[in-house]
Amino acid sequence: MYTYIYPSYPGYSPSFSRHPEDVDLFTGGLSERTLPGSAIGPTFSCIIARQFHNLKVGDRFWYENPLLMTGFTEGQLAQIKRVTLAKLLCDNYNLQFMQRDVFRFVSPRDPSNGHINIPRSPTTLEKYTREEVQIVAQESKIQRNVSHNRVRLHYLGNYEPPNRRRTRWPGGASVL
């Protein structure tokens, strides 16, 4: 645990945090060393990654979700995935040139992200709108998901939080 925390961080003291559960989440996350190529440490990286995963998996209207009658066909998905943010910006703002990775700066020291000419080609899903939508989920998968969610709902309805552990501070003070 201590390999990730800056020892010089204000408020950090090994005597206050003998166990990882004793460290406040926000304070501990701010005091962590950043991961390579990141602006945050491992705790906040994990929380943010889980949140984005849950947003994608939990969104029944996510465009890659194959279980919906409103989902896209394979041809439509292939057409959508061909579009880059650079192409989207060029088409909508009438630009002629754009760097490959729009989130990186173009600099003389990094010529790999130089401006490229993006040809105007209409991206349209019109030829796919007349296709019949097919449900690709098997009946057994649907039944399994329904029964799994019933179990989860039953569990959540009967959930009681475990007793919280008392935190002992130096000097004998105790906080629940």
N, C-alpha and C. Protein backbone atom coordinates (compact mmCIF):
# COMPACT_ATOMS: atom_id res chain seq x y z
N MET A 1 0.82 -1.19 0.00
CA MET A 1 0.00 0.00 0.00
C MET A 1 0.87 1.25 0.00
N TYR A 2 1.90 1.27 0.81
CA TYR A 2 2.69 2.49 0.98
C TYR A 2 3.57 2.79 -0.23
N THR A 3 3.73 1.84 -1.15
CA THR A 3 4.51 2.13 -2.35
C THR A 3 3.76 3.05 -3.28
N TYR A 4 2.44 3.16 -3.14
CA TYR A 4 1.64 4.02 -4.01
C TYR A 4 1.41 5.41 -3.44
N ILE A 5 1.67 5.60 -2.16
CA ILE A 5 1.37 6.89 -1.52
C ILE A 5 2.64 7.71 -1.36
N TYR A 6 2.54 9.01 -1.65
CA TYR A 6 3.66 9.91 -1.44
C TYR A 6 3.87 10.11 0.06
N PRO A 7 5.05 9.79 0.59
CA PRO A 7 5.28 9.99 2.03
C PRO A 7 5.26 11.46 2.43
N SER A 8 5.51 12.37 1.49
CA SER A 8 5.55 13.80 1.82
C SER A 8 4.18 14.46 1.68
N TYR A 9 3.15 13.69 1.38
CA TYR A 9 1.81 14.26 1.20
C TYR A 9 1.30 14.82 2.53
N PRO A 10 0.73 16.05 2.53
CA PRO A 10 0.24 16.63 3.79
C PRO A 10 -0.85 15.75 4.41
N GLY A 11 -0.71 15.49 5.65
CA GLY A 11 -1.70 14.67 6.35
C GLY A 11 -1.36 13.20 6.36
N TYR A 12 -0.32 12.81 5.61
CA TYR A 12 0.06 11.40 5.60
C TYR A 12 0.91 11.09 6.82
N SER A 13 0.55 10.08 7.52
CA SER A 13 1.33 9.62 8.66
C SER A 13 1.11 8.13 8.82
N PRO A 14 2.19 7.34 8.78
CA PRO A 14 2.01 5.89 8.93
C PRO A 14 1.34 5.51 10.25
N SER A 15 1.45 6.37 11.28
CA SER A 15 0.82 6.03 12.56
C SER A 15 -0.70 6.15 12.49
N PHE A 16 -1.22 6.99 11.57
CA PHE A 16 -2.66 7.13 11.44
C PHE A 16 -3.28 6.03 10.58
N SER A 17 -2.52 5.48 9.68
CA SER A 17 -3.09 4.50 8.75
C SER A 17 -2.27 3.22 8.77
N ARG A 18 -2.52 2.41 9.76
CA ARG A 18 -1.81 1.14 9.85
C ARG A 18 -2.44 0.10 8.92
N HIS A 19 -3.67 0.33 8.52
CA HIS A 19 -4.39 -0.61 7.68
C HIS A 19 -5.03 0.17 6.53
N PRO A 20 -5.11 -0.40 5.32
CA PRO A 20 -5.70 0.35 4.19
C PRO A 20 -7.13 0.81 4.44
N GLU A 21 -7.88 0.09 5.27
CA GLU A 21 -9.27 0.49 5.54
C GLU A 21 -9.35 1.75 6.40
N ASP A 22 -8.24 2.14 7.03
CA ASP A 22 -8.23 3.34 7.87
C ASP A 22 -8.06 4.62 7.07
N VAL A 23 -7.71 4.51 5.80
CA VAL A 23 -7.45 5.68 4.97
C VAL A 23 -8.75 6.12 4.30
N ASP A 24 -9.07 7.41 4.39
CA ASP A 24 -10.23 7.96 3.70
C ASP A 24 -10.04 7.80 2.19
N LEU A 25 -11.09 7.39 1.49
CA LEU A 25 -10.99 7.09 0.06
C LEU A 25 -10.51 8.30 -0.74
N PHE A 26 -11.12 9.45 -0.54
CA PHE A 26 -10.76 10.62 -1.33
C PHE A 26 -9.34 11.08 -1.02
N THR A 27 -9.01 11.17 0.26
CA THR A 27 -7.66 11.60 0.66
C THR A 27 -6.62 10.61 0.18
N GLY A 28 -6.89 9.33 0.35
CA GLY A 28 -5.95 8.31 -0.11
C GLY A 28 -5.78 8.33 -1.62
N GLY A 29 -6.88 8.53 -2.35
CA GLY A 29 -6.79 8.59 -3.81
C GLY A 29 -5.98 9.78 -4.30
N LEU A 30 -6.14 10.92 -3.61
CA LEU A 30 -5.37 12.11 -4.00
C LEU A 30 -3.89 11.97 -3.66
N SER A 31 -3.59 11.20 -2.62
CA SER A 31 -2.19 11.09 -2.19
C SER A 31 -1.42 10.01 -2.94
N GLU A 32 -2.08 9.26 -3.81
CA GLU A 32 -1.39 8.19 -4.53
C GLU A 32 -0.50 8.73 -5.64
N ARG A 33 0.53 7.98 -5.92
CA ARG A 33 1.38 8.29 -7.08
C ARG A 33 0.58 8.00 -8.34
N THR A 34 0.80 8.81 -9.36
CA THR A 34 0.07 8.59 -10.61
C THR A 34 0.63 7.39 -11.35
N LEU A 35 -0.23 6.73 -12.10
CA LEU A 35 0.20 5.61 -12.93
C LEU A 35 0.93 6.15 -14.15
N PRO A 36 1.81 5.37 -14.76
CA PRO A 36 2.51 5.84 -15.96
C PRO A 36 1.51 6.21 -17.07
N GLY A 37 1.67 7.41 -17.62
CA GLY A 37 0.80 7.88 -18.68
C GLY A 37 -0.57 8.32 -18.20
N SER A 38 -0.73 8.54 -16.91
CA SER A 38 -2.03 8.89 -16.35
C SER A 38 -1.90 10.11 -15.45
N ALA A 39 -3.02 10.71 -15.12
CA ALA A 39 -3.03 11.84 -14.19
C ALA A 39 -3.55 11.43 -12.83
N ILE A 40 -3.91 10.15 -12.67
CA ILE A 40 -4.47 9.66 -11.42
C ILE A 40 -3.79 8.36 -11.01
N GLY A 41 -4.01 7.98 -9.77
CA GLY A 41 -3.41 6.78 -9.22
C GLY A 41 -4.26 5.54 -9.46
N PRO A 42 -3.84 4.40 -8.89
CA PRO A 42 -4.54 3.14 -9.15
C PRO A 42 -5.96 3.08 -8.58
N THR A 43 -6.21 3.72 -7.45
CA THR A 43 -7.55 3.65 -6.86
C THR A 43 -8.57 4.37 -7.73
N PHE A 44 -8.29 5.62 -8.09
CA PHE A 44 -9.23 6.36 -8.93
C PHE A 44 -9.31 5.76 -10.33
N SER A 45 -8.20 5.19 -10.85
CA SER A 45 -8.24 4.52 -12.15
C SER A 45 -9.22 3.37 -12.13
N CYS A 46 -9.18 2.59 -11.07
CA CYS A 46 -10.08 1.45 -10.93
C CYS A 46 -11.54 1.91 -10.83
N ILE A 47 -11.79 2.93 -10.04
CA ILE A 47 -13.17 3.42 -9.86
C ILE A 47 -13.72 3.96 -11.18
N ILE A 48 -12.93 4.74 -11.89
CA ILE A 48 -13.39 5.32 -13.16
C ILE A 48 -13.59 4.24 -14.21
N ALA A 49 -12.67 3.27 -14.28
CA ALA A 49 -12.81 2.17 -15.25
C ALA A 49 -14.07 1.36 -14.97
N ARG A 50 -14.33 1.07 -13.71
CA ARG A 50 -15.55 0.32 -13.37
C ARG A 50 -16.80 1.10 -13.71
N GLN A 51 -16.77 2.42 -13.48
CA GLN A 51 -17.94 3.23 -13.79
C GLN A 51 -18.22 3.23 -15.29
N PHE A 52 -17.19 3.41 -16.12
CA PHE A 52 -17.41 3.38 -17.56
C PHE A 52 -17.88 2.01 -18.03
N HIS A 53 -17.32 0.95 -17.46
CA HIS A 53 -17.77 -0.40 -17.81
C HIS A 53 -19.25 -0.57 -17.46
N ASN A 54 -19.64 -0.14 -16.27
CA ASN A 54 -21.04 -0.28 -15.85
C ASN A 54 -21.97 0.57 -16.70
N LEU A 55 -21.52 1.74 -17.12
CA LEU A 55 -22.34 2.57 -18.00
C LEU A 55 -22.57 1.89 -19.34
N LYS A 56 -21.53 1.27 -19.87
CA LYS A 56 -21.65 0.60 -21.17
C LYS A 56 -22.50 -0.66 -21.07
N VAL A 57 -22.22 -1.50 -20.09
CA VAL A 57 -22.92 -2.78 -19.97
C VAL A 57 -24.35 -2.57 -19.48
N GLY A 58 -24.57 -1.59 -18.63
CA GLY A 58 -25.89 -1.38 -18.06
C GLY A 58 -26.83 -0.57 -18.93
N ASP A 59 -26.33 0.01 -20.00
CA ASP A 59 -27.17 0.83 -20.88
C ASP A 59 -27.82 -0.06 -21.92
N ARG A 60 -29.13 -0.24 -21.83
CA ARG A 60 -29.79 -1.14 -22.77
C ARG A 60 -29.85 -0.55 -24.17
N PHE A 61 -29.59 0.74 -24.32
CA PHE A 61 -29.58 1.35 -25.63
C PHE A 61 -28.16 1.54 -26.19
N TRP A 62 -27.15 0.94 -25.55
CA TRP A 62 -25.78 1.03 -26.06
C TRP A 62 -25.75 0.45 -27.47
N TYR A 63 -25.08 1.13 -28.38
CA TYR A 63 -25.18 0.78 -29.79
C TYR A 63 -24.62 -0.59 -30.13
N GLU A 64 -23.75 -1.16 -29.30
CA GLU A 64 -23.20 -2.48 -29.59
C GLU A 64 -23.97 -3.61 -28.90
N ASN A 65 -25.04 -3.28 -28.21
CA ASN A 65 -25.80 -4.28 -27.48
C ASN A 65 -26.58 -5.17 -28.46
N PRO A 66 -26.24 -6.45 -28.55
CA PRO A 66 -26.89 -7.31 -29.54
C PRO A 66 -28.22 -7.89 -29.07
N LEU A 67 -28.62 -7.66 -27.84
CA LEU A 67 -29.81 -8.30 -27.31
C LEU A 67 -31.09 -7.52 -27.57
N LEU A 68 -30.99 -6.39 -28.20
CA LEU A 68 -32.16 -5.55 -28.39
C LEU A 68 -32.75 -5.69 -29.77
N MET A 69 -34.04 -5.49 -29.85
CA MET A 69 -34.68 -5.43 -31.16
C MET A 69 -34.32 -4.13 -31.85
N THR A 70 -33.88 -3.15 -31.07
CA THR A 70 -33.50 -1.86 -31.64
C THR A 70 -32.01 -1.78 -31.96
N GLY A 71 -31.26 -2.86 -31.75
CA GLY A 71 -29.82 -2.87 -31.99
C GLY A 71 -29.49 -2.79 -33.46
N PHE A 72 -28.25 -2.45 -33.75
CA PHE A 72 -27.80 -2.35 -35.13
C PHE A 72 -27.44 -3.72 -35.68
N THR A 73 -27.50 -3.85 -36.99
CA THR A 73 -27.06 -5.07 -37.65
C THR A 73 -25.54 -5.04 -37.76
N GLU A 74 -24.95 -6.15 -38.19
CA GLU A 74 -23.49 -6.21 -38.36
C GLU A 74 -23.01 -5.19 -39.38
N GLY A 75 -23.75 -5.02 -40.47
CA GLY A 75 -23.37 -4.04 -41.49
C GLY A 75 -23.41 -2.62 -40.97
N GLN A 76 -24.43 -2.31 -40.19
CA GLN A 76 -24.53 -0.97 -39.61
C GLN A 76 -23.40 -0.72 -38.62
N LEU A 77 -23.08 -1.71 -37.79
CA LEU A 77 -21.97 -1.55 -36.84
C LEU A 77 -20.65 -1.34 -37.55
N ALA A 78 -20.42 -2.08 -38.63
CA ALA A 78 -19.17 -1.92 -39.39
C ALA A 78 -19.07 -0.50 -39.95
N GLN A 79 -20.18 0.04 -40.45
CA GLN A 79 -20.19 1.40 -40.99
C GLN A 79 -19.94 2.42 -39.89
N ILE A 80 -20.55 2.24 -38.74
CA ILE A 80 -20.38 3.17 -37.61
C ILE A 80 -18.93 3.16 -37.13
N LYS A 81 -18.32 1.99 -37.03
CA LYS A 81 -16.96 1.87 -36.50
C LYS A 81 -15.91 2.42 -37.45
N ARG A 82 -16.26 2.64 -38.71
CA ARG A 82 -15.31 3.23 -39.66
C ARG A 82 -15.13 4.72 -39.42
N VAL A 83 -16.06 5.35 -38.77
CA VAL A 83 -16.02 6.80 -38.56
C VAL A 83 -15.10 7.13 -37.39
N THR A 84 -14.16 8.05 -37.62
CA THR A 84 -13.27 8.51 -36.56
C THR A 84 -13.73 9.89 -36.10
N LEU A 85 -13.24 10.31 -34.96
CA LEU A 85 -13.59 11.65 -34.47
C LEU A 85 -13.03 12.72 -35.41
N ALA A 86 -11.86 12.47 -35.98
CA ALA A 86 -11.28 13.43 -36.93
C ALA A 86 -12.21 13.60 -38.14
N LYS A 87 -12.74 12.50 -38.66
CA LYS A 87 -13.66 12.57 -39.80
C LYS A 87 -14.96 13.27 -39.41
N LEU A 88 -15.44 12.99 -38.23
CA LEU A 88 -16.68 13.61 -37.76
C LEU A 88 -16.52 15.13 -37.66
N LEU A 89 -15.38 15.57 -37.12
CA LEU A 89 -15.11 17.01 -37.00
C LEU A 89 -14.96 17.66 -38.37
N CYS A 90 -14.24 16.99 -39.29
CA CYS A 90 -14.05 17.55 -40.63
C CYS A 90 -15.38 17.69 -41.36
N ASP A 91 -16.22 16.68 -41.27
CA ASP A 91 -17.51 16.72 -41.96
C ASP A 91 -18.44 17.78 -41.39
N ASN A 92 -18.44 17.96 -40.09
CA ASN A 92 -19.40 18.87 -39.47
C ASN A 92 -18.93 20.31 -39.39
N TYR A 93 -17.62 20.55 -39.43
CA TYR A 93 -17.09 21.91 -39.34
C TYR A 93 -16.45 22.38 -40.63
N ASN A 94 -16.64 21.63 -41.71
CA ASN A 94 -16.13 21.99 -43.03
C ASN A 94 -14.62 22.21 -43.00
N LEU A 95 -13.89 21.33 -42.35
CA LEU A 95 -12.44 21.40 -42.27
C LEU A 95 -11.82 20.55 -43.38
N GLN A 96 -10.65 20.95 -43.83
CA GLN A 96 -9.95 20.20 -44.87
C GLN A 96 -8.89 19.26 -44.28
N PHE A 97 -8.24 19.71 -43.20
CA PHE A 97 -7.15 18.94 -42.60
C PHE A 97 -7.39 18.80 -41.10
N MET A 98 -6.94 17.69 -40.58
CA MET A 98 -7.09 17.41 -39.15
C MET A 98 -6.00 16.41 -38.77
N GLN A 99 -5.52 16.50 -37.53
CA GLN A 99 -4.54 15.51 -37.09
C GLN A 99 -5.23 14.16 -36.86
N ARG A 100 -4.44 13.08 -36.98
CA ARG A 100 -4.97 11.73 -36.83
C ARG A 100 -5.64 11.52 -35.48
N ASP A 101 -4.92 11.85 -34.42
CA ASP A 101 -5.44 11.70 -33.06
C ASP A 101 -5.82 13.09 -32.57
N VAL A 102 -7.10 13.38 -32.54
CA VAL A 102 -7.55 14.74 -32.23
C VAL A 102 -7.31 15.12 -30.78
N PHE A 103 -6.98 14.17 -29.92
CA PHE A 103 -6.75 14.47 -28.51
C PHE A 103 -5.29 14.79 -28.22
N ARG A 104 -4.41 14.67 -29.22
CA ARG A 104 -2.99 14.99 -29.02
C ARG A 104 -2.66 16.26 -29.79
N PHE A 105 -1.75 17.05 -29.22
CA PHE A 105 -1.30 18.27 -29.88
C PHE A 105 -0.36 17.93 -31.03
N VAL A 106 -0.40 18.74 -32.05
CA VAL A 106 0.56 18.61 -33.14
C VAL A 106 1.75 19.47 -32.77
N SER A 107 2.92 18.86 -32.73
CA SER A 107 4.12 19.61 -32.38
C SER A 107 5.27 19.19 -33.29
N PRO A 108 6.26 20.06 -33.47
CA PRO A 108 7.42 19.70 -34.29
C PRO A 108 8.18 18.51 -33.72
N ARG A 109 8.12 18.34 -32.39
CA ARG A 109 8.83 17.22 -31.78
C ARG A 109 8.11 15.89 -32.00
N ASP A 110 6.81 15.94 -32.31
CA ASP A 110 6.04 14.72 -32.50
C ASP A 110 5.34 14.77 -33.86
N PRO A 111 6.08 14.48 -34.94
CA PRO A 111 5.48 14.57 -36.28
C PRO A 111 4.52 13.41 -36.60
N SER A 112 4.45 12.40 -35.73
CA SER A 112 3.59 11.25 -36.03
C SER A 112 2.11 11.61 -36.00
N ASN A 113 1.79 12.75 -35.41
CA ASN A 113 0.39 13.16 -35.34
C ASN A 113 0.15 14.39 -36.22
N GLY A 114 0.80 14.42 -37.37
CA GLY A 114 0.66 15.56 -38.26
C GLY A 114 -0.71 15.62 -38.92
N HIS A 115 -0.97 16.75 -39.57
CA HIS A 115 -2.26 16.93 -40.23
C HIS A 115 -2.38 15.99 -41.42
N ILE A 116 -3.54 15.43 -41.59
CA ILE A 116 -3.81 14.56 -42.74
C ILE A 116 -5.03 15.10 -43.47
N ASN A 117 -5.09 14.80 -44.76
CA ASN A 117 -6.23 15.19 -45.57
C ASN A 117 -7.29 14.10 -45.43
N ILE A 118 -8.44 14.47 -44.94
CA ILE A 118 -9.52 13.50 -44.77
C ILE A 118 -10.52 13.72 -45.89
N PRO A 119 -10.65 12.75 -46.79
CA PRO A 119 -11.58 12.93 -47.91
C PRO A 119 -13.03 12.94 -47.43
N ARG A 120 -13.82 13.72 -48.13
CA ARG A 120 -15.23 13.77 -47.78
C ARG A 120 -15.94 12.58 -48.43
N SER A 121 -16.44 11.73 -47.60
CA SER A 121 -17.26 10.63 -48.10
C SER A 121 -18.46 10.53 -47.18
N PRO A 122 -19.62 10.53 -47.77
CA PRO A 122 -20.81 10.53 -46.92
C PRO A 122 -20.91 9.24 -46.11
N THR A 123 -21.15 9.41 -44.85
CA THR A 123 -21.40 8.27 -43.98
C THR A 123 -22.90 8.20 -43.80
N THR A 124 -23.46 7.18 -44.34
CA THR A 124 -24.91 7.06 -44.26
C THR A 124 -25.30 5.64 -43.89
N LEU A 125 -26.34 5.55 -43.15
CA LEU A 125 -26.88 4.24 -42.78
C LEU A 125 -28.18 3.96 -43.53
N GLU A 126 -28.47 4.80 -44.54
CA GLU A 126 -29.73 4.65 -45.26
C GLU A 126 -29.89 3.27 -45.89
N LYS A 127 -28.81 2.74 -46.46
CA LYS A 127 -28.94 1.44 -47.12
C LYS A 127 -29.22 0.32 -46.13
N TYR A 128 -29.04 0.60 -44.84
CA TYR A 128 -29.29 -0.42 -43.83
C TYR A 128 -30.66 -0.27 -43.17
N THR A 129 -31.36 0.81 -43.45
CA THR A 129 -32.61 1.05 -42.73
C THR A 129 -33.73 0.12 -43.17
N ARG A 130 -33.64 -0.46 -44.35
CA ARG A 130 -34.70 -1.32 -44.83
C ARG A 130 -34.50 -2.78 -44.43
N GLU A 131 -33.38 -3.09 -43.83
CA GLU A 131 -33.13 -4.47 -43.42
C GLU A 131 -34.03 -4.84 -42.25
N GLU A 132 -34.40 -6.09 -42.22
CA GLU A 132 -35.20 -6.59 -41.11
C GLU A 132 -34.30 -6.74 -39.89
N VAL A 133 -34.79 -6.32 -38.76
CA VAL A 133 -34.05 -6.46 -37.51
C VAL A 133 -34.25 -7.87 -37.00
N GLN A 134 -33.15 -8.53 -36.66
CA GLN A 134 -33.24 -9.89 -36.17
C GLN A 134 -32.75 -9.93 -34.73
N ILE A 135 -33.43 -10.71 -33.92
CA ILE A 135 -32.98 -10.91 -32.55
C ILE A 135 -31.93 -12.01 -32.59
N VAL A 136 -30.73 -11.70 -32.13
CA VAL A 136 -29.65 -12.67 -32.21
C VAL A 136 -29.46 -13.45 -30.92
N ALA A 137 -30.24 -13.13 -29.91
CA ALA A 137 -30.10 -13.84 -28.63
C ALA A 137 -30.90 -15.14 -28.68
N GLN A 138 -30.31 -16.18 -28.13
CA GLN A 138 -31.01 -17.45 -28.05
C GLN A 138 -31.96 -17.43 -26.86
N GLU A 139 -33.02 -18.24 -26.97
CA GLU A 139 -34.02 -18.31 -25.90
C GLU A 139 -33.38 -18.71 -24.57
N SER A 140 -32.41 -19.63 -24.61
CA SER A 140 -31.77 -20.09 -23.37
C SER A 140 -30.99 -18.95 -22.70
N LYS A 141 -30.34 -18.09 -23.49
CA LYS A 141 -29.61 -16.96 -22.92
C LYS A 141 -30.56 -15.97 -22.27
N ILE A 142 -31.69 -15.73 -22.91
CA ILE A 142 -32.66 -14.79 -22.35
C ILE A 142 -33.19 -15.33 -21.03
N GLN A 143 -33.55 -16.62 -20.99
CA GLN A 143 -34.07 -17.22 -19.76
C GLN A 143 -33.03 -17.17 -18.64
N ARG A 144 -31.76 -17.45 -18.99
CA ARG A 144 -30.70 -17.41 -17.99
C ARG A 144 -30.54 -16.00 -17.41
N ASN A 145 -30.58 -14.98 -18.28
CA ASN A 145 -30.46 -13.60 -17.80
C ASN A 145 -31.64 -13.20 -16.93
N VAL A 146 -32.83 -13.64 -17.28
CA VAL A 146 -34.01 -13.31 -16.48
C VAL A 146 -33.90 -13.94 -15.10
N SER A 147 -33.52 -15.22 -15.04
CA SER A 147 -33.42 -15.88 -13.74
C SER A 147 -32.27 -15.29 -12.91
N HIS A 148 -31.18 -14.94 -13.55
CA HIS A 148 -30.05 -14.32 -12.85
C HIS A 148 -30.48 -12.99 -12.22
N ASN A 149 -31.22 -12.18 -12.98
CA ASN A 149 -31.65 -10.89 -12.45
C ASN A 149 -32.68 -11.04 -11.34
N ARG A 150 -33.51 -12.08 -11.38
CA ARG A 150 -34.44 -12.33 -10.28
C ARG A 150 -33.68 -12.61 -9.00
N VAL A 151 -32.61 -13.42 -9.09
CA VAL A 151 -31.79 -13.73 -7.92
C VAL A 151 -31.15 -12.46 -7.39
N ARG A 152 -30.62 -11.62 -8.27
CA ARG A 152 -29.98 -10.38 -7.85
C ARG A 152 -30.98 -9.45 -7.16
N LEU A 153 -32.19 -9.34 -7.71
CA LEU A 153 -33.20 -8.48 -7.09
C LEU A 153 -33.60 -9.00 -5.72
N HIS A 154 -33.73 -10.31 -5.59
CA HIS A 154 -34.07 -10.90 -4.29
C HIS A 154 -32.96 -10.60 -3.28
N TYR A 155 -31.70 -10.76 -3.72
CA TYR A 155 -30.57 -10.51 -2.84
C TYR A 155 -30.54 -9.05 -2.40
N LEU A 156 -30.73 -8.13 -3.35
CA LEU A 156 -30.68 -6.71 -3.02
C LEU A 156 -31.83 -6.30 -2.11
N GLY A 157 -32.99 -6.93 -2.26
CA GLY A 157 -34.13 -6.61 -1.40
C GLY A 157 -33.92 -7.05 0.03
N ASN A 158 -33.12 -8.09 0.25
CA ASN A 158 -32.87 -8.61 1.59
C ASN A 158 -31.52 -8.19 2.14
N TYR A 159 -30.85 -7.26 1.49
CA TYR A 159 -29.49 -6.91 1.88
C TYR A 159 -29.48 -6.07 3.15
N GLU A 160 -28.63 -6.43 4.07
CA GLU A 160 -28.38 -5.62 5.26
C GLU A 160 -26.88 -5.36 5.32
N PRO A 161 -26.47 -4.11 5.49
CA PRO A 161 -25.03 -3.83 5.51
C PRO A 161 -24.37 -4.48 6.72
N PRO A 162 -23.15 -4.98 6.54
CA PRO A 162 -22.45 -5.58 7.67
C PRO A 162 -22.09 -4.51 8.71
N ASN A 163 -21.86 -4.95 9.93
CA ASN A 163 -21.46 -4.01 10.98
C ASN A 163 -20.14 -3.37 10.59
N ARG A 164 -20.07 -2.07 10.76
CA ARG A 164 -18.84 -1.37 10.40
C ARG A 164 -17.80 -1.56 11.48
N ARG A 165 -16.57 -1.62 11.07
CA ARG A 165 -15.46 -1.80 11.99
C ARG A 165 -15.15 -0.47 12.66
N ARG A 166 -14.89 -0.52 13.95
CA ARG A 166 -14.52 0.70 14.67
C ARG A 166 -13.10 1.10 14.29
N THR A 167 -12.90 2.39 14.08
CA THR A 167 -11.58 2.92 13.79
C THR A 167 -11.00 3.50 15.07
N ARG A 168 -9.84 3.05 15.44
CA ARG A 168 -9.17 3.55 16.65
C ARG A 168 -8.10 4.56 16.23
N TRP A 169 -8.18 5.73 16.79
CA TRP A 169 -7.21 6.78 16.52
C TRP A 169 -6.16 6.78 17.63
N PRO A 170 -4.96 7.29 17.34
CA PRO A 170 -3.94 7.39 18.38
C PRO A 170 -4.48 8.24 19.54
N GLY A 171 -4.25 7.80 20.73
CA GLY A 171 -4.76 8.49 21.91
C GLY A 171 -5.99 7.82 22.48
N GLY A 172 -6.46 6.75 21.82
CA GLY A 172 -7.57 5.97 22.36
C GLY A 172 -8.94 6.36 21.87
N ALA A 173 -9.07 7.45 21.07
CA ALA A 173 -10.39 7.84 20.58
C ALA A 173 -10.90 6.79 19.60
N SER A 174 -12.19 6.56 19.61
CA SER A 174 -12.79 5.55 18.75
C SER A 174 -13.91 6.17 17.95
N VAL A 175 -13.95 5.88 16.67
CA VAL A 175 -14.98 6.40 15.78
C VAL A 175 -15.66 5.22 15.11
N LEU A 176 -16.99 5.24 15.07
CA LEU A 176 -17.72 4.16 14.41
C LEU A 176 -17.88 4.45 12.95
